[in-house]
Amino acid sequence: MATPPDDEPAEIEVGFPVATAFTDRDGVIGVEVPAMVVAAAVHRGPCAQVGPVYQAIEAWIQAHAHAGIGAPREVYLNSPGDTTNPEDYLTEIQFPISTPA
């Protein structure tokens, strides 16, 4: 998905694990995310400072002859409800990748 200009709406997908399937309703749909190989790293600190982690993962993907095969995703391992200090936030960044040829 291309990044729209700052003044235009963007499409964002949000996911939550659920115990059982549910009926799609009011624009909320259930999907099963297939297993995949990812290049991942955990960022510790404010969410606004994840940029260098994205860059490091992208460099690793390129250096190891992989290719990105989908949009990256962020998994929030804790939240403001778990810690009030943004320096303690943990965010796992995952890039789906192909295996090298």
Protein backbone atom coordinates (compact mmCIF):
# COMPACT_ATOMS: atom_id res chain seq x y z
CA MET A 1 0.00 0.00 0.00
CA ALA A 2 1.40 3.40 -0.95
CA THR A 3 1.64 6.08 1.68
CA PRO A 4 -0.86 8.88 0.99
CA PRO A 5 0.04 12.55 1.48
CA ASP A 6 -0.33 13.80 5.06
CA ASP A 7 -3.59 15.60 4.29
CA GLU A 8 -5.36 12.53 2.86
CA PRO A 9 -6.96 9.63 4.72
CA ALA A 10 -4.99 6.40 5.01
CA GLU A 11 -6.21 2.83 5.25
CA ILE A 12 -5.01 1.13 8.42
CA GLU A 13 -5.61 -2.44 9.49
CA VAL A 14 -5.77 -3.21 13.20
CA GLY A 15 -5.75 -6.74 14.58
CA PHE A 16 -6.55 -8.37 17.88
CA PRO A 17 -6.24 -12.06 18.73
CA VAL A 18 -9.59 -13.65 19.54
CA ALA A 19 -10.43 -17.06 20.98
CA THR A 20 -13.20 -17.94 18.50
CA ALA A 21 -14.44 -16.88 15.09
CA PHE A 22 -17.13 -14.21 14.96
CA THR A 23 -19.64 -12.82 12.48
CA ASP A 24 -18.48 -9.78 10.50
CA ARG A 25 -20.39 -6.71 11.62
CA ASP A 26 -20.32 -2.91 11.32
CA GLY A 27 -17.17 -2.93 9.20
CA VAL A 28 -15.30 -5.24 11.59
CA ILE A 29 -14.23 -8.46 9.91
CA GLY A 30 -12.49 -11.54 11.17
CA VAL A 31 -9.52 -12.90 9.24
CA GLU A 32 -6.99 -15.58 9.96
CA VAL A 33 -3.42 -14.38 9.51
CA PRO A 34 -1.43 -17.17 7.87
CA ALA A 35 1.90 -18.32 9.26
CA MET A 36 4.80 -16.56 7.56
CA VAL A 37 8.52 -15.98 7.79
CA VAL A 38 9.32 -12.52 9.15
CA ALA A 39 12.38 -10.43 9.87
CA ALA A 40 11.71 -8.89 13.27
CA ALA A 41 13.22 -6.80 16.02
CA VAL A 42 11.93 -5.36 19.28
CA HIS A 43 12.05 -1.62 19.90
CA ARG A 44 12.14 -0.36 23.47
CA GLY A 45 10.99 3.22 23.90
CA PRO A 46 8.36 5.65 22.62
CA CYS A 47 6.44 4.47 19.57
CA ALA A 48 7.35 7.68 17.74
CA GLN A 49 11.01 6.56 17.77
CA VAL A 50 10.68 3.24 15.90
CA GLY A 51 12.13 4.61 12.64
CA PRO A 52 15.69 3.35 13.18
CA VAL A 53 14.38 -0.17 13.88
CA TYR A 54 12.50 -0.17 10.57
CA GLN A 55 15.70 0.96 8.82
CA ALA A 56 17.79 -1.73 10.53
CA ILE A 57 15.37 -4.49 9.55
CA GLU A 58 15.20 -3.25 5.95
CA ALA A 59 19.03 -3.22 5.80
CA TRP A 60 19.16 -6.77 7.20
CA ILE A 61 16.60 -7.99 4.64
CA GLN A 62 18.64 -6.54 1.80
CA ALA A 63 22.00 -7.77 3.17
CA HIS A 64 20.68 -11.32 3.47
CA ALA A 65 19.12 -11.53 -0.02
CA HIS A 66 15.52 -11.61 1.17
CA ALA A 67 12.64 -9.60 -0.24
CA GLY A 68 9.76 -7.97 1.58
CA ILE A 69 6.47 -9.61 0.57
CA GLY A 70 3.92 -7.51 2.39
CA ALA A 71 3.36 -4.56 4.65
CA PRO A 72 5.28 -4.53 7.93
CA ARG A 73 3.33 -4.76 11.15
CA GLU A 74 3.80 -3.64 14.72
CA VAL A 75 2.97 -5.87 17.68
CA TYR A 76 2.62 -3.94 20.92
CA LEU A 77 4.08 -6.16 23.64
CA ASN A 78 2.95 -3.82 26.39
CA SER A 79 0.95 -0.62 26.62
CA PRO A 80 0.42 2.53 28.68
CA GLY A 81 -1.77 0.34 30.89
CA ASP A 82 1.29 -1.79 31.71
CA THR A 83 3.80 1.02 32.23
CA THR A 84 3.48 4.78 32.50
CA ASN A 85 7.04 5.37 31.25
CA PRO A 86 7.18 5.55 27.42
CA GLU A 87 10.86 4.51 27.61
CA ASP A 88 9.60 1.07 28.71
CA TYR A 89 7.18 0.51 25.80
CA LEU A 90 8.02 -2.62 23.81
CA THR A 91 7.07 -2.84 20.13
CA GLU A 92 7.95 -5.78 17.89
CA ILE A 93 8.38 -4.74 14.25
CA GLN A 94 7.79 -7.57 11.76
CA PHE A 95 8.45 -7.57 8.00
CA PRO A 96 7.05 -10.57 6.08
CA ILE A 97 9.88 -11.84 3.86
CA SER A 98 10.61 -14.39 1.18
CA THR A 99 13.40 -16.87 1.63
CA PRO A 100 16.51 -16.29 -0.50
CA ALA A 101 16.57 -18.01 -3.89
